[in-house]
Amino acid sequence: MGVIAETENVRPKKLGVRHAQTFLCFLAMLLAYNMRVNISMAIVDMTDVTKDDHFDWSYSVQSTILSSFFWGYIMLMLPSGELAKRFGGKVLVTISISVNSLLSLLLPTVAYLGGWQFVCACRVLQGMTQSFLFPSMHHLVSQWIPLEEKGRLSGIIYGGTQLGVAIQHIMSGFLASAWGWKSIFYTNGILGALWTVAYLIFGSASPEQSKRISQEELKYIQTSLGRVGKQKKHPTPWMKIITCFPFWATVVAHCGQNWGFFTLMTEMPTYMAKVLGVDLKQNGVFSSLPYLAMYLLSYPFGAMTDLIIQRKWLSVTNTRKLFNSIGHWGPALALIGLSYAPEGNMVIAVVMLTITVGINAGHFSGYMLTLIDLAPNFSSSLMAISNFFSNITSLIAPLVCGLIIQDESDPLEWRKVFFLASGVYFCTNLCYVLFTTSNQQPWNVPEENDSG
């Protein structure tokens, strides 16, 4: 918000406050995903019948516990964007991580006192507060990250999600073996509490509100983002958003991403166990490889995005489309390869899975940033709407897999699932390539008499 200044923009040579904010946001995403997936690892040990203090939960009860997080996650998704715009990203990210940390610390006690119903209640609350995370983070990125560094620094932030999943897979096995499943939740809770203290001290909702930023860095960020001058808060132009075709094309890409990603995340262990004869649940390091690949690739993809835009080899719109195509059409091809992997050949299957999930990192520099490009001032609201619909898709995808697969050991039925996911990746990205843009929309700064 404010007027766009036609002044030369000079990047400060040293690391600045924006880099510290990037690191804190990266840790927030990492810890949030630690706490999002920890139950899926811990529940294996919690229900181990060889342990004296195990919980006698049926498979249906376990499935209910595992899905309960997303009940709360969807519940507050739509209002979370407006809340982030109104109160700033810092407040809601702090609430998200601190509440999740407290509930992680309480969950072992709650499980013993209240059973699986109380565990579900904790997970629903964790989901509700994590619904703030992506809209708030998008708002923080729109405030802190200059256009010239958006691919690289936002890639670091959102890459924390995949590293969080990978670390949790690795860490949970060691913690459960050494100190039992309760240590998984205690570790997550303590780390989250420490982050909360650090962010309350060093975090800031925007460069303008930071007490530590230099005038040189502040001017650089403001000039890059075109908001030099007094900042105003405009009412959200809901009708303009609802009728913005490029935005809905971006939502379609987001839905396609979640369909493919959650199909793999939820079904991969079953596929490996039933078709390849490998139980990934017993090998956290092995199951973390695809997520580590995705995390590592997010860095070069982000750096290449910034380089292409800085050198003006492609427009911002075409750069986003290029990397989103890598992130969608790459996995589409890899899934076809996976579906024809020789039966029982673990090496080829793991390589194809790692490629599929790894190059999916292209979406971090694709539609994720388009949601900011379209309207930086309302990016949290755009992300909230997009995340709402995409997470409905992520709930539907495993159900469709269940309808397709009648025999979990039949590679031909799995081939249908992989072909479907490949087709979804292809078609949704085609819609994105044909119909979206990264040009800032006129309603990003509404007219004074425009009620939206």
Protein backbone atom coordinates (compact mmCIF):
# COMPACT_ATOMS: atom_id res chain seq x y z
CA MET A 1 0.00 0.00 0.00
CA GLY A 2 1.21 3.52 -0.57
CA VAL A 3 2.59 4.95 -3.79
CA ILE A 4 5.12 3.27 -6.01
CA ALA A 5 8.34 5.22 -6.01
CA GLU A 6 10.41 5.60 -9.15
CA THR A 7 13.72 5.64 -7.30
CA GLU A 8 16.81 3.53 -7.77
CA ASN A 9 16.72 0.58 -5.44
CA VAL A 10 20.00 -0.49 -3.83
CA ARG A 11 20.22 -3.86 -2.09
CA PRO A 12 22.13 -3.77 1.23
CA LYS A 13 25.26 -5.88 0.99
CA LYS A 14 25.10 -7.52 4.41
CA LEU A 15 22.57 -9.92 5.88
CA GLY A 16 19.68 -7.96 7.29
CA VAL A 17 16.61 -8.20 9.47
CA ARG A 18 14.63 -9.66 6.57
CA HIS A 19 16.95 -12.67 6.66
CA ALA A 20 16.39 -13.10 10.39
CA GLN A 21 12.63 -12.95 9.81
CA THR A 22 13.00 -15.52 7.03
CA PHE A 23 14.84 -17.87 9.38
CA LEU A 24 12.23 -17.48 12.13
CA CYS A 25 9.41 -18.11 9.64
CA PHE A 26 11.27 -21.15 8.29
CA LEU A 27 11.49 -22.56 11.81
CA ALA A 28 7.79 -21.87 12.34
CA MET A 29 6.86 -23.91 9.25
CA LEU A 30 9.25 -26.69 10.25
CA LEU A 31 7.87 -26.95 13.79
CA ALA A 32 4.27 -26.71 12.60
CA TYR A 33 4.76 -29.67 10.28
CA ASN A 34 6.62 -31.54 13.02
CA MET A 35 3.48 -31.26 15.12
CA ARG A 36 1.16 -31.91 12.18
CA VAL A 37 2.61 -35.35 11.39
CA ASN A 38 3.94 -36.48 14.78
CA ILE A 39 0.81 -38.47 15.62
CA SER A 40 1.16 -40.60 12.48
CA MET A 41 4.55 -41.79 13.71
CA ALA A 42 3.71 -41.96 17.41
CA ILE A 43 0.49 -43.93 16.98
CA VAL A 44 2.46 -46.92 15.73
CA ASP A 45 4.20 -47.17 19.11
CA MET A 46 1.09 -46.14 21.07
CA THR A 47 -0.84 -49.13 19.70
CA ASP A 48 2.01 -51.66 19.81
CA VAL A 49 0.45 -54.71 21.50
CA THR A 50 3.86 -55.85 22.74
CA LYS A 51 4.02 -52.84 25.06
CA ASP A 52 2.35 -53.01 28.49
CA ASP A 53 0.90 -49.49 28.31
CA HIS A 54 -0.39 -49.67 24.73
CA PHE A 55 -3.79 -48.34 23.66
CA ASP A 56 -6.26 -50.88 22.32
CA TRP A 57 -7.49 -48.74 19.44
CA SER A 58 -9.02 -50.32 16.35
CA TYR A 59 -7.86 -49.36 12.86
CA SER A 60 -10.99 -47.23 12.40
CA VAL A 61 -10.26 -45.35 15.64
CA GLN A 62 -6.68 -44.77 14.56
CA SER A 63 -7.91 -43.45 11.21
CA THR A 64 -10.28 -41.10 13.03
CA ILE A 65 -7.42 -39.77 15.15
CA LEU A 66 -5.19 -39.29 12.10
CA SER A 67 -7.87 -37.36 10.21
CA SER A 68 -9.13 -35.25 13.14
CA PHE A 69 -6.44 -32.59 12.60
CA PHE A 70 -7.97 -31.69 9.24
CA TRP A 71 -11.47 -31.27 10.67
CA GLY A 72 -10.22 -28.28 12.62
CA TYR A 73 -7.86 -27.20 9.85
CA ILE A 74 -10.67 -26.59 7.38
CA MET A 75 -13.03 -25.14 10.01
CA LEU A 76 -11.21 -21.80 10.42
CA MET A 77 -9.44 -21.62 7.06
CA LEU A 78 -11.64 -19.01 5.39
CA PRO A 79 -11.71 -16.45 8.25
CA SER A 80 -7.98 -16.92 8.90
CA GLY A 81 -7.03 -14.85 5.87
CA GLU A 82 -9.09 -11.86 6.99
CA LEU A 83 -7.73 -12.22 10.52
CA ALA A 84 -4.15 -12.19 9.21
CA LYS A 85 -4.81 -9.04 7.19
CA ARG A 86 -6.48 -7.34 10.12
CA PHE A 87 -4.12 -8.30 12.96
CA GLY A 88 -0.90 -9.03 11.06
CA GLY A 89 0.95 -12.27 10.49
CA LYS A 90 3.04 -12.20 13.65
CA VAL A 91 0.13 -12.47 16.08
CA LEU A 92 -1.51 -15.43 14.37
CA VAL A 93 1.72 -17.35 13.68
CA THR A 94 2.61 -16.94 17.35
CA ILE A 95 -0.82 -18.22 18.41
CA SER A 96 -0.54 -21.15 16.00
CA ILE A 97 2.85 -22.42 17.19
CA SER A 98 2.33 -21.68 20.90
CA VAL A 99 -1.08 -23.41 21.08
CA ASN A 100 0.19 -26.38 19.08
CA SER A 101 3.18 -26.64 21.41
CA LEU A 102 1.01 -26.54 24.54
CA LEU A 103 -1.33 -29.20 23.15
CA SER A 104 1.65 -31.39 22.21
CA LEU A 105 2.88 -31.20 25.80
CA LEU A 106 -0.59 -32.09 27.10
CA LEU A 107 -1.45 -34.84 24.62
CA PRO A 108 0.20 -37.81 26.44
CA THR A 109 -1.62 -36.96 29.67
CA VAL A 110 -4.87 -36.35 27.79
CA ALA A 111 -4.55 -39.74 26.05
CA TYR A 112 -4.34 -41.57 29.38
CA LEU A 113 -7.09 -39.56 31.07
CA GLY A 114 -9.63 -39.16 28.27
CA GLY A 115 -8.84 -41.82 25.69
CA TRP A 116 -8.95 -41.42 21.95
CA GLN A 117 -11.84 -38.94 22.07
CA PHE A 118 -9.72 -36.42 23.98
CA VAL A 119 -6.78 -37.06 21.65
CA CYS A 120 -9.07 -36.17 18.73
CA ALA A 121 -10.14 -33.01 20.55
CA CYS A 122 -6.48 -31.98 20.92
CA ARG A 123 -5.83 -32.66 17.25
CA VAL A 124 -8.89 -30.66 16.18
CA LEU A 125 -7.64 -27.70 18.21
CA GLN A 126 -4.20 -28.06 16.69
CA GLY A 127 -5.77 -28.07 13.23
CA MET A 128 -7.86 -25.01 13.98
CA THR A 129 -4.85 -22.97 15.07
CA GLN A 130 -2.67 -24.25 12.22
CA SER A 131 -5.29 -22.98 9.78
CA PHE A 132 -3.80 -19.54 10.56
CA LEU A 133 -0.36 -20.61 9.41
CA PHE A 134 -0.29 -20.33 5.60
CA PRO A 135 -2.44 -17.17 5.28
CA SER A 136 -0.36 -15.49 8.00
CA MET A 137 2.90 -16.64 6.44
CA HIS A 138 1.79 -15.36 3.04
CA HIS A 139 1.04 -12.01 4.68
CA LEU A 140 4.49 -11.93 6.29
CA VAL A 141 6.17 -12.82 2.98
CA SER A 142 4.24 -10.05 1.23
CA GLN A 143 5.46 -7.58 3.87
CA TRP A 144 9.08 -8.65 4.29
CA ILE A 145 10.44 -10.24 1.11
CA PRO A 146 11.58 -7.99 -1.78
CA LEU A 147 10.52 -9.03 -5.28
CA GLU A 148 14.16 -9.64 -6.29
CA GLU A 149 14.58 -12.18 -3.46
CA LYS A 150 11.07 -13.63 -3.27
CA GLY A 151 11.84 -16.94 -4.95
CA ARG A 152 14.88 -17.71 -2.84
CA LEU A 153 13.70 -16.49 0.57
CA SER A 154 10.12 -17.75 0.28
CA GLY A 155 11.55 -21.08 -0.90
CA ILE A 156 13.52 -21.25 2.35
CA ILE A 157 10.40 -20.49 4.39
CA TYR A 158 8.03 -22.93 2.71
CA GLY A 159 10.75 -25.55 2.36
CA GLY A 160 10.51 -25.83 6.14
CA THR A 161 7.29 -27.81 5.67
CA GLN A 162 9.03 -30.67 3.88
CA LEU A 163 12.08 -30.60 6.14
CA GLY A 164 9.70 -30.72 9.10
CA VAL A 165 8.07 -33.88 7.76
CA ALA A 166 11.45 -35.46 7.02
CA ILE A 167 12.94 -34.59 10.41
CA GLN A 168 9.84 -35.86 12.20
CA HIS A 169 10.08 -39.19 10.37
CA ILE A 170 13.72 -39.55 11.36
CA MET A 171 13.45 -38.14 14.88
CA SER A 172 10.34 -40.05 15.94
CA GLY A 173 11.90 -43.46 15.44
CA PHE A 174 14.92 -42.62 17.58
CA LEU A 175 12.89 -40.89 20.30
CA ALA A 176 10.32 -43.67 20.57
CA SER A 177 13.02 -46.34 20.74
CA ALA A 178 14.99 -44.51 23.42
CA TRP A 179 12.32 -42.93 25.64
CA GLY A 180 8.93 -44.05 24.37
CA TRP A 181 6.24 -42.35 22.25
CA LYS A 182 5.54 -39.64 24.84
CA SER A 183 8.97 -38.13 24.18
CA ILE A 184 7.91 -37.34 20.60
CA PHE A 185 5.20 -34.95 21.83
CA TYR A 186 7.32 -33.53 24.65
CA THR A 187 10.19 -32.73 22.27
CA ASN A 188 7.90 -31.01 19.78
CA GLY A 189 6.20 -29.03 22.56
CA ILE A 190 9.44 -27.82 24.13
CA LEU A 191 10.97 -26.78 20.80
CA GLY A 192 7.77 -24.93 19.88
CA ALA A 193 7.77 -23.10 23.22
CA LEU A 194 11.39 -22.00 22.72
CA TRP A 195 10.56 -20.72 19.23
CA THR A 196 7.59 -18.78 20.61
CA VAL A 197 9.81 -16.94 23.09
CA ALA A 198 12.36 -16.15 20.38
CA TYR A 199 9.72 -14.88 17.95
CA LEU A 200 8.05 -12.68 20.54
CA ILE A 201 11.44 -11.03 21.10
CA PHE A 202 12.84 -10.84 17.57
CA GLY A 203 9.84 -11.24 15.24
CA SER A 204 7.99 -8.38 13.59
CA ALA A 205 4.82 -8.15 11.51
CA SER A 206 6.39 -5.82 8.93
CA PRO A 207 9.60 -3.86 8.25
CA GLU A 208 7.81 -0.65 9.27
CA GLN A 209 7.10 -2.09 12.73
CA SER A 210 10.60 -3.48 13.29
CA LYS A 211 12.80 -1.69 15.80
CA ARG A 212 15.97 -3.39 14.56
CA ILE A 213 15.87 -2.72 10.82
CA SER A 214 18.19 -0.13 9.28
CA GLN A 215 16.84 2.71 7.17
CA GLU A 216 18.80 1.39 4.20
CA GLU A 217 17.16 -2.05 4.38
CA LEU A 218 13.73 -0.56 5.08
CA LYS A 219 13.95 1.64 1.99
CA TYR A 220 15.15 -1.31 -0.11
CA ILE A 221 12.17 -3.48 0.89
CA GLN A 222 9.62 -0.70 0.54
CA THR A 223 10.89 0.39 -2.87
CA SER A 224 11.02 -3.18 -4.17
CA LEU A 225 7.45 -3.86 -3.04
CA GLY A 226 6.18 -0.49 -4.23
CA ARG A 227 4.85 0.74 -0.94
CA VAL A 228 6.97 3.76 -0.04
CA GLY A 229 4.80 6.16 1.90
CA LYS A 230 2.17 5.88 4.58
CA GLN A 231 0.52 2.47 4.69
CA LYS A 232 -3.25 2.15 4.59
CA LYS A 233 -5.52 -0.74 5.43
CA HIS A 234 -8.22 -1.25 2.84
CA PRO A 235 -11.34 -3.39 3.21
CA THR A 236 -11.05 -6.72 1.42
CA PRO A 237 -12.64 -6.42 -2.07
CA TRP A 238 -14.48 -9.75 -1.90
CA MET A 239 -16.44 -9.32 -5.13
CA LYS A 240 -13.26 -8.43 -7.04
CA ILE A 241 -11.55 -11.54 -5.63
CA ILE A 242 -14.50 -13.81 -6.40
CA THR A 243 -14.67 -12.58 -10.00
CA CYS A 244 -10.88 -12.68 -10.59
CA PHE A 245 -10.36 -15.46 -13.16
CA PRO A 246 -6.53 -15.67 -12.81
CA PHE A 247 -7.00 -16.21 -9.08
CA TRP A 248 -9.32 -19.18 -9.62
CA ALA A 249 -6.93 -20.66 -12.16
CA THR A 250 -4.31 -20.49 -9.40
CA VAL A 251 -6.70 -22.19 -6.97
CA VAL A 252 -7.13 -25.01 -9.49
CA ALA A 253 -3.34 -25.49 -9.54
CA HIS A 254 -3.31 -25.55 -5.73
CA CYS A 255 -6.03 -28.22 -5.71
CA GLY A 256 -4.07 -30.31 -8.21
CA GLN A 257 -0.95 -30.02 -6.07
CA ASN A 258 -2.79 -31.23 -2.97
CA TRP A 259 -4.43 -34.11 -4.83
CA GLY A 260 -1.10 -35.48 -6.01
CA PHE A 261 0.87 -34.72 -2.87
CA PHE A 262 -1.64 -36.12 -0.38
CA THR A 263 -2.28 -39.17 -2.54
CA LEU A 264 1.39 -39.99 -2.20
CA MET A 265 1.73 -38.95 1.43
CA THR A 266 -1.21 -41.06 2.63
CA GLU A 267 -0.90 -44.04 0.28
CA MET A 268 2.87 -44.41 -0.14
CA PRO A 269 3.42 -46.53 3.01
CA THR A 270 0.63 -48.92 1.99
CA TYR A 271 1.97 -49.21 -1.55
CA MET A 272 5.47 -49.91 -0.33
CA ALA A 273 4.25 -52.47 2.22
CA LYS A 274 1.70 -54.34 0.10
CA VAL A 275 3.25 -54.19 -3.36
CA LEU A 276 6.97 -53.98 -2.64
CA GLY A 277 6.98 -55.84 0.68
CA VAL A 278 8.66 -52.98 2.57
CA ASP A 279 7.11 -51.44 5.68
CA LEU A 280 8.20 -47.80 5.64
CA LYS A 281 6.64 -47.19 9.03
CA GLN A 282 9.52 -49.13 10.53
CA ASN A 283 12.14 -47.15 8.70
CA GLY A 284 11.83 -43.42 9.29
CA VAL A 285 15.03 -42.53 7.47
CA PHE A 286 13.90 -44.40 4.38
CA SER A 287 10.46 -42.77 4.30
CA SER A 288 11.97 -39.30 4.70
CA LEU A 289 13.97 -39.41 1.43
CA PRO A 290 11.25 -37.95 -0.86
CA TYR A 291 10.63 -35.06 1.54
CA LEU A 292 14.34 -34.35 1.94
CA ALA A 293 14.66 -34.24 -1.85
CA MET A 294 11.78 -31.78 -2.06
CA TYR A 295 13.33 -29.59 0.63
CA LEU A 296 16.77 -29.58 -0.99
CA LEU A 297 15.43 -28.80 -4.45
CA SER A 298 13.42 -25.85 -3.16
CA TYR A 299 16.69 -23.87 -2.80
CA PRO A 300 18.01 -24.09 -6.39
CA PHE A 301 14.50 -23.63 -7.74
CA GLY A 302 14.07 -20.46 -5.67
CA ALA A 303 17.49 -19.14 -6.66
CA MET A 304 16.82 -19.82 -10.36
CA THR A 305 13.49 -18.03 -10.09
CA ASP A 306 15.15 -14.89 -8.74
CA LEU A 307 17.94 -15.06 -11.34
CA ILE A 308 15.52 -15.37 -14.26
CA ILE A 309 13.46 -12.42 -13.03
CA GLN A 310 16.52 -10.26 -12.23
CA ARG A 311 18.09 -10.94 -15.66
CA LYS A 312 14.68 -10.42 -17.30
CA TRP A 313 15.01 -13.65 -19.27
CA LEU A 314 11.30 -14.23 -18.67
CA SER A 315 8.49 -12.15 -17.25
CA VAL A 316 7.36 -12.81 -13.68
CA THR A 317 4.22 -14.51 -15.00
CA ASN A 318 6.11 -16.86 -17.33
CA THR A 319 8.70 -17.61 -14.65
CA ARG A 320 5.94 -18.70 -12.28
CA LYS A 321 4.38 -20.82 -15.02
CA LEU A 322 7.73 -22.44 -15.85
CA PHE A 323 8.43 -23.57 -12.31
CA ASN A 324 4.87 -24.60 -11.60
CA SER A 325 5.04 -26.76 -14.74
CA ILE A 326 8.21 -28.36 -13.42
CA GLY A 327 6.46 -28.94 -10.09
CA HIS A 328 3.31 -30.44 -11.67
CA TRP A 329 4.17 -31.96 -15.03
CA GLY A 330 7.45 -33.40 -13.70
CA PRO A 331 5.65 -35.50 -11.05
CA ALA A 332 2.97 -36.38 -13.64
CA LEU A 333 5.62 -38.07 -15.78
CA ALA A 334 7.38 -39.62 -12.78
CA LEU A 335 4.10 -41.13 -11.54
CA ILE A 336 3.65 -42.87 -14.88
CA GLY A 337 7.16 -44.25 -14.51
CA LEU A 338 6.36 -45.35 -10.95
CA SER A 339 3.24 -47.18 -12.10
CA TYR A 340 5.39 -49.33 -14.41
CA ALA A 341 8.13 -50.01 -11.85
CA PRO A 342 8.98 -53.74 -11.83
CA GLU A 343 7.00 -55.57 -9.17
CA GLY A 344 9.08 -56.05 -6.03
CA ASN A 345 11.90 -53.75 -7.21
CA MET A 346 12.30 -51.49 -4.19
CA VAL A 347 15.20 -49.44 -5.56
CA ILE A 348 13.43 -48.25 -8.71
CA ALA A 349 10.21 -47.54 -6.80
CA VAL A 350 12.01 -45.44 -4.17
CA VAL A 351 13.95 -43.55 -6.85
CA MET A 352 10.73 -42.75 -8.73
CA LEU A 353 8.96 -41.71 -5.52
CA THR A 354 11.88 -39.47 -4.58
CA ILE A 355 11.86 -37.87 -8.04
CA THR A 356 8.08 -37.44 -7.95
CA VAL A 357 8.03 -35.66 -4.60
CA GLY A 358 11.39 -33.92 -5.07
CA ILE A 359 10.69 -32.00 -8.28
CA ASN A 360 7.27 -31.14 -6.89
CA ALA A 361 9.24 -28.38 -5.09
CA GLY A 362 8.75 -26.29 -8.23
CA HIS A 363 5.32 -25.27 -6.96
CA PHE A 364 6.96 -23.20 -4.20
CA SER A 365 8.13 -20.83 -6.96
CA GLY A 366 4.90 -21.25 -8.94
CA TYR A 367 1.32 -20.81 -7.80
CA MET A 368 2.38 -20.17 -4.18
CA LEU A 369 3.98 -16.90 -5.22
CA THR A 370 1.25 -16.07 -7.73
CA LEU A 371 -1.12 -15.77 -4.78
CA ILE A 372 1.13 -12.97 -3.53
CA ASP A 373 1.82 -11.42 -6.96
CA LEU A 374 -1.87 -10.94 -7.74
CA ALA A 375 -2.60 -8.79 -4.70
CA PRO A 376 0.13 -8.44 -2.03
CA ASN A 377 -2.18 -6.43 0.21
CA PHE A 378 -4.73 -9.24 0.30
CA SER A 379 -2.42 -12.24 -0.09
CA SER A 380 -3.54 -13.73 3.24
CA SER A 381 -7.17 -13.76 2.10
CA LEU A 382 -6.24 -15.25 -1.27
CA MET A 383 -4.21 -17.95 0.44
CA ALA A 384 -7.02 -18.72 2.88
CA ILE A 385 -9.56 -19.25 0.09
CA SER A 386 -7.13 -21.30 -1.98
CA ASN A 387 -6.05 -23.40 0.99
CA PHE A 388 -9.68 -24.06 1.93
CA PHE A 389 -10.56 -25.59 -1.42
CA SER A 390 -7.25 -27.40 -1.84
CA ASN A 391 -7.57 -29.08 1.55
CA ILE A 392 -11.04 -30.31 0.69
CA THR A 393 -9.31 -31.89 -2.31
CA SER A 394 -6.67 -33.43 -0.05
CA LEU A 395 -9.42 -35.10 1.99
CA ILE A 396 -11.21 -36.42 -1.11
CA ALA A 397 -8.11 -37.87 -2.80
CA PRO A 398 -7.48 -40.71 -0.29
CA LEU A 399 -11.20 -41.59 -0.35
CA VAL A 400 -11.08 -41.93 -4.14
CA CYS A 401 -7.99 -44.12 -3.80
CA GLY A 402 -9.95 -46.33 -1.41
CA LEU A 403 -12.73 -46.72 -3.99
CA ILE A 404 -10.27 -47.62 -6.76
CA ILE A 405 -8.09 -50.04 -4.79
CA GLN A 406 -9.92 -53.21 -3.79
CA ASP A 407 -6.79 -55.37 -3.58
CA GLU A 408 -3.90 -53.45 -2.01
CA SER A 409 -1.36 -55.96 -3.33
CA ASP A 410 -2.44 -55.61 -6.99
CA PRO A 411 -0.01 -53.38 -8.95
CA LEU A 412 -2.63 -52.86 -11.68
CA GLU A 413 -5.01 -51.14 -9.27
CA TRP A 414 -2.23 -48.93 -7.97
CA ARG A 415 -1.44 -48.04 -11.58
CA LYS A 416 -4.94 -46.57 -11.85
CA VAL A 417 -4.31 -44.41 -8.77
CA PHE A 418 -0.99 -43.14 -10.12
CA PHE A 419 -2.44 -42.45 -13.57
CA LEU A 420 -5.30 -40.51 -12.00
CA ALA A 421 -2.92 -38.39 -9.92
CA SER A 422 -0.76 -37.85 -13.02
CA GLY A 423 -3.81 -36.70 -14.98
CA VAL A 424 -4.86 -34.31 -12.20
CA TYR A 425 -1.35 -32.82 -12.09
CA PHE A 426 -1.37 -32.34 -15.87
CA CYS A 427 -4.85 -30.84 -16.26
CA THR A 428 -4.71 -28.48 -13.30
CA ASN A 429 -1.34 -27.08 -14.36
CA LEU A 430 -2.61 -26.69 -17.92
CA CYS A 431 -5.40 -24.51 -16.52
CA TYR A 432 -2.82 -22.51 -14.56
CA VAL A 433 -0.56 -22.02 -17.60
CA LEU A 434 -3.42 -20.94 -19.86
CA PHE A 435 -5.38 -18.65 -17.59
CA THR A 436 -3.35 -17.19 -14.74
CA THR A 437 -1.09 -14.16 -14.52
CA SER A 438 1.26 -12.64 -11.97
CA ASN A 439 0.37 -9.08 -12.92
CA GLN A 440 -0.76 -7.16 -9.86
CA GLN A 441 -4.50 -6.68 -9.98
CA PRO A 442 -6.00 -3.15 -10.00
CA TRP A 443 -8.05 -3.94 -6.90
CA ASN A 444 -4.87 -4.52 -4.86
CA VAL A 445 -5.12 -0.80 -3.97
CA PRO A 446 -8.86 -0.07 -4.10
CA GLU A 447 -10.15 3.39 -4.89
CA GLU A 448 -11.27 5.37 -1.89
CA ASN A 449 -14.91 5.10 -2.94
CA ASP A 450 -14.65 1.46 -3.94
CA SER A 451 -16.50 -0.68 -1.41
CA GLY A 452 -15.33 -3.93 -3.05
